[in-house]
């Protein structure tokens, strides 16, 4: 589908509202010719979080945390358990 859009005075192109808030990758393949693709950027230092096994562990930990209310730690009891 081809659409005609106007670049406004601030240099922005407005796309349909269905793309509001989405990230896009934009390649300028030659002067005045762009390819725009929907996408998400994952920073290199966060990529490990998306490893299948790591993500499953994180999801399990979040589910556990949501199902269990926080409680105050008895530091004396904990110190005895670890032998201090």
N, C-alpha and C. Protein backbone atom coordinates (compact mmCIF):
# COMPACT_ATOMS: atom_id res chain seq x y z
N UNK A 1 0.85 -1.17 0.00
CA UNK A 1 0.00 0.00 0.00
C UNK A 1 0.90 1.23 0.00
N UNK A 2 0.63 2.15 -0.86
CA UNK A 2 1.37 3.40 -0.93
C UNK A 2 0.50 4.52 -0.40
N UNK A 3 1.09 5.35 0.46
CA UNK A 3 0.37 6.51 0.97
C UNK A 3 1.23 7.75 0.75
N UNK A 4 0.58 8.88 0.65
CA UNK A 4 1.28 10.15 0.50
C UNK A 4 1.18 10.90 1.81
N UNK A 5 2.33 11.19 2.41
CA UNK A 5 2.38 11.93 3.67
C UNK A 5 3.21 13.19 3.43
N UNK A 6 3.03 14.18 4.28
CA UNK A 6 3.77 15.43 4.18
C UNK A 6 4.72 15.56 5.35
N UNK A 7 5.95 15.92 5.07
CA UNK A 7 6.91 16.19 6.14
C UNK A 7 6.63 17.59 6.64
N UNK A 8 6.35 17.72 7.96
CA UNK A 8 5.97 19.03 8.49
C UNK A 8 7.19 19.93 8.69
N UNK A 9 6.95 21.14 9.18
CA UNK A 9 8.00 22.14 9.33
C UNK A 9 9.11 21.71 10.29
N UNK A 10 8.79 20.80 11.22
CA UNK A 10 9.82 20.34 12.16
C UNK A 10 10.53 19.08 11.66
N UNK A 11 10.21 18.65 10.44
CA UNK A 11 10.88 17.50 9.84
C UNK A 11 10.27 16.16 10.21
N UNK A 12 9.04 16.17 10.72
CA UNK A 12 8.40 14.93 11.15
C UNK A 12 7.39 14.45 10.12
N UNK A 13 7.27 13.12 10.04
CA UNK A 13 6.27 12.48 9.20
C UNK A 13 5.24 11.85 10.14
N UNK A 14 3.98 12.11 9.91
CA UNK A 14 2.92 11.56 10.76
C UNK A 14 2.37 10.31 10.09
N UNK A 15 2.40 9.21 10.84
CA UNK A 15 1.83 7.96 10.34
C UNK A 15 0.46 7.75 10.97
N UNK A 16 -0.23 6.73 10.57
CA UNK A 16 -1.56 6.41 11.10
C UNK A 16 -1.51 6.21 12.61
N UNK A 17 -2.62 6.51 13.30
CA UNK A 17 -2.69 6.38 14.76
C UNK A 17 -2.43 4.95 15.23
N UNK A 18 -2.63 3.97 14.38
CA UNK A 18 -2.40 2.59 14.79
C UNK A 18 -0.94 2.34 15.15
N UNK A 19 -0.04 3.23 14.74
CA UNK A 19 1.39 3.08 15.04
C UNK A 19 1.83 3.98 16.19
N UNK A 20 0.91 4.67 16.83
CA UNK A 20 1.25 5.60 17.91
C UNK A 20 2.01 4.89 19.03
N UNK A 21 3.11 5.47 19.45
CA UNK A 21 3.91 4.94 20.54
C UNK A 21 4.81 3.78 20.17
N UNK A 22 4.75 3.31 18.94
CA UNK A 22 5.58 2.18 18.52
C UNK A 22 6.95 2.67 18.08
N UNK A 23 7.96 1.82 18.20
CA UNK A 23 9.28 2.13 17.70
C UNK A 23 9.37 1.67 16.26
N UNK A 24 10.11 2.41 15.46
CA UNK A 24 10.33 2.02 14.08
C UNK A 24 11.82 2.07 13.77
N UNK A 25 12.22 1.22 12.85
CA UNK A 25 13.57 1.26 12.31
C UNK A 25 13.47 1.95 10.96
N UNK A 26 14.35 2.88 10.72
CA UNK A 26 14.27 3.65 9.48
C UNK A 26 15.61 3.59 8.77
N UNK A 27 15.61 3.06 7.57
CA UNK A 27 16.83 2.98 6.75
C UNK A 27 16.70 3.93 5.58
N UNK A 28 17.72 4.77 5.40
CA UNK A 28 17.76 5.60 4.19
C UNK A 28 18.66 4.87 3.22
N UNK A 29 18.06 4.23 2.21
CA UNK A 29 18.83 3.41 1.29
C UNK A 29 19.50 4.23 0.20
N UNK A 30 18.98 5.40 -0.04
CA UNK A 30 19.63 6.41 -0.87
C UNK A 30 18.96 7.73 -0.56
N UNK A 31 19.51 8.83 -1.01
CA UNK A 31 18.97 10.14 -0.67
C UNK A 31 17.48 10.21 -1.04
N UNK A 32 16.65 10.44 -0.02
CA UNK A 32 15.22 10.60 -0.25
C UNK A 32 14.43 9.31 -0.35
N UNK A 33 15.09 8.16 -0.16
CA UNK A 33 14.39 6.88 -0.22
C UNK A 33 14.58 6.18 1.12
N UNK A 34 13.47 5.96 1.84
CA UNK A 34 13.52 5.37 3.16
C UNK A 34 12.71 4.09 3.21
N UNK A 35 13.16 3.18 4.03
CA UNK A 35 12.38 1.99 4.36
C UNK A 35 12.10 2.08 5.86
N UNK A 36 10.83 2.03 6.23
CA UNK A 36 10.42 2.14 7.63
C UNK A 36 9.80 0.81 8.04
N UNK A 37 10.33 0.24 9.14
CA UNK A 37 9.85 -1.05 9.63
C UNK A 37 9.50 -0.92 11.10
N UNK A 38 8.39 -1.54 11.52
CA UNK A 38 8.09 -1.62 12.94
C UNK A 38 9.13 -2.51 13.59
N UNK A 39 9.55 -2.16 14.79
CA UNK A 39 10.54 -2.98 15.47
C UNK A 39 10.72 -2.54 16.89
N UNK A 40 11.49 -3.31 17.62
CA UNK A 40 11.85 -2.98 18.99
C UNK A 40 13.35 -3.09 19.11
N UNK A 41 13.92 -2.18 19.85
CA UNK A 41 15.36 -2.18 20.06
C UNK A 41 15.65 -2.72 21.45
N UNK A 42 16.52 -3.71 21.52
CA UNK A 42 16.95 -4.26 22.80
C UNK A 42 18.42 -3.87 22.95
N UNK A 43 18.73 -3.06 23.97
CA UNK A 43 20.14 -2.68 24.17
C UNK A 43 21.02 -3.91 24.37
N UNK A 44 22.26 -3.86 23.89
CA UNK A 44 23.17 -4.99 23.99
C UNK A 44 23.32 -5.49 25.42
N UNK A 45 23.39 -4.57 26.39
CA UNK A 45 23.61 -5.00 27.77
C UNK A 45 22.36 -5.60 28.41
N UNK A 46 21.22 -5.60 27.71
CA UNK A 46 19.99 -6.22 28.21
C UNK A 46 19.58 -7.45 27.39
N UNK A 47 20.33 -7.74 26.35
CA UNK A 47 19.97 -8.84 25.45
C UNK A 47 19.93 -10.19 26.18
N UNK A 48 20.79 -10.38 27.18
CA UNK A 48 20.83 -11.64 27.92
C UNK A 48 19.49 -11.93 28.61
N UNK A 49 18.74 -10.89 28.92
CA UNK A 49 17.45 -11.07 29.58
C UNK A 49 16.44 -11.77 28.68
N UNK A 50 16.68 -11.75 27.38
CA UNK A 50 15.73 -12.33 26.42
C UNK A 50 16.11 -13.74 25.99
N UNK A 51 17.21 -14.26 26.55
CA UNK A 51 17.55 -15.66 26.34
C UNK A 51 16.37 -16.49 26.87
N UNK A 52 15.96 -17.52 26.16
CA UNK A 52 14.75 -18.28 26.50
C UNK A 52 14.79 -18.80 27.95
N UNK A 53 15.91 -19.41 28.34
CA UNK A 53 16.01 -19.99 29.69
C UNK A 53 16.02 -18.89 30.76
N UNK A 54 16.75 -17.82 30.50
CA UNK A 54 16.81 -16.71 31.46
C UNK A 54 15.45 -16.05 31.61
N UNK A 55 14.76 -15.83 30.48
CA UNK A 55 13.44 -15.21 30.54
C UNK A 55 12.45 -16.08 31.31
N UNK A 56 12.54 -17.40 31.15
CA UNK A 56 11.66 -18.32 31.88
C UNK A 56 11.92 -18.22 33.38
N UNK A 57 13.20 -18.13 33.78
CA UNK A 57 13.53 -18.00 35.21
C UNK A 57 12.99 -16.68 35.77
N UNK A 58 13.15 -15.61 35.01
CA UNK A 58 12.66 -14.30 35.45
C UNK A 58 11.13 -14.33 35.57
N UNK A 59 10.46 -14.93 34.60
CA UNK A 59 9.00 -15.02 34.64
C UNK A 59 8.53 -15.80 35.87
N UNK A 60 9.24 -16.91 36.20
CA UNK A 60 8.89 -17.70 37.39
C UNK A 60 9.11 -16.88 38.66
N UNK A 61 10.21 -16.13 38.71
CA UNK A 61 10.50 -15.32 39.89
C UNK A 61 9.46 -14.22 40.07
N UNK A 62 9.04 -13.61 39.00
CA UNK A 62 8.01 -12.56 39.08
C UNK A 62 6.69 -13.16 39.54
N UNK A 63 6.33 -14.33 39.00
CA UNK A 63 5.08 -14.98 39.41
C UNK A 63 5.13 -15.31 40.90
N UNK A 64 6.27 -15.81 41.39
CA UNK A 64 6.40 -16.12 42.82
C UNK A 64 6.25 -14.85 43.66
N UNK A 65 6.93 -13.78 43.24
CA UNK A 65 6.87 -12.52 43.99
C UNK A 65 5.46 -11.95 44.03
N UNK A 66 4.72 -12.13 42.96
CA UNK A 66 3.34 -11.64 42.93
C UNK A 66 2.42 -12.46 43.84
N UNK A 67 2.76 -13.74 44.03
CA UNK A 67 1.93 -14.62 44.84
C UNK A 67 2.30 -14.60 46.32
N UNK A 68 3.45 -14.04 46.67
CA UNK A 68 3.93 -14.04 48.05
C UNK A 68 4.19 -12.61 48.51
N UNK A 69 3.50 -12.22 49.55
CA UNK A 69 3.70 -10.87 50.10
C UNK A 69 5.05 -10.79 50.80
N UNK A 70 5.69 -9.63 50.75
CA UNK A 70 6.97 -9.49 51.45
C UNK A 70 6.78 -9.61 52.96
N UNK A 71 7.78 -10.16 53.62
CA UNK A 71 7.76 -10.26 55.08
C UNK A 71 9.08 -9.73 55.62
N UNK A 72 9.06 -9.30 56.87
CA UNK A 72 10.27 -8.79 57.50
C UNK A 72 11.22 -9.95 57.81
N UNK A 73 12.50 -9.76 57.55
CA UNK A 73 13.50 -10.79 57.79
C UNK A 73 13.95 -10.76 59.25
N UNK A 74 14.00 -11.94 59.88
CA UNK A 74 14.54 -12.06 61.23
C UNK A 74 16.05 -12.26 61.06
N UNK A 75 16.82 -11.18 61.23
CA UNK A 75 18.26 -11.21 60.97
C UNK A 75 19.00 -12.15 61.91
N UNK A 76 18.56 -12.25 63.17
CA UNK A 76 19.23 -13.15 64.12
C UNK A 76 19.07 -14.61 63.67
N UNK A 77 17.87 -14.98 63.28
CA UNK A 77 17.62 -16.33 62.80
C UNK A 77 18.42 -16.62 61.52
N UNK A 78 18.46 -15.67 60.65
CA UNK A 78 19.21 -15.83 59.40
C UNK A 78 20.70 -16.01 59.68
N UNK A 79 21.25 -15.22 60.59
CA UNK A 79 22.67 -15.32 60.95
C UNK A 79 22.99 -16.70 61.52
N UNK A 80 22.09 -17.27 62.30
CA UNK A 80 22.31 -18.60 62.86
C UNK A 80 22.30 -19.67 61.77
N UNK A 81 21.44 -19.48 60.79
CA UNK A 81 21.34 -20.46 59.69
C UNK A 81 22.58 -20.48 58.83
N UNK A 82 23.24 -19.33 58.67
CA UNK A 82 24.43 -19.28 57.81
C UNK A 82 25.71 -19.43 58.63
N UNK A 83 25.56 -19.64 59.96
CA UNK A 83 26.71 -19.93 60.80
C UNK A 83 27.53 -18.73 61.20
N UNK A 84 26.94 -17.58 61.36
CA UNK A 84 27.71 -16.40 61.76
C UNK A 84 27.57 -16.15 63.23
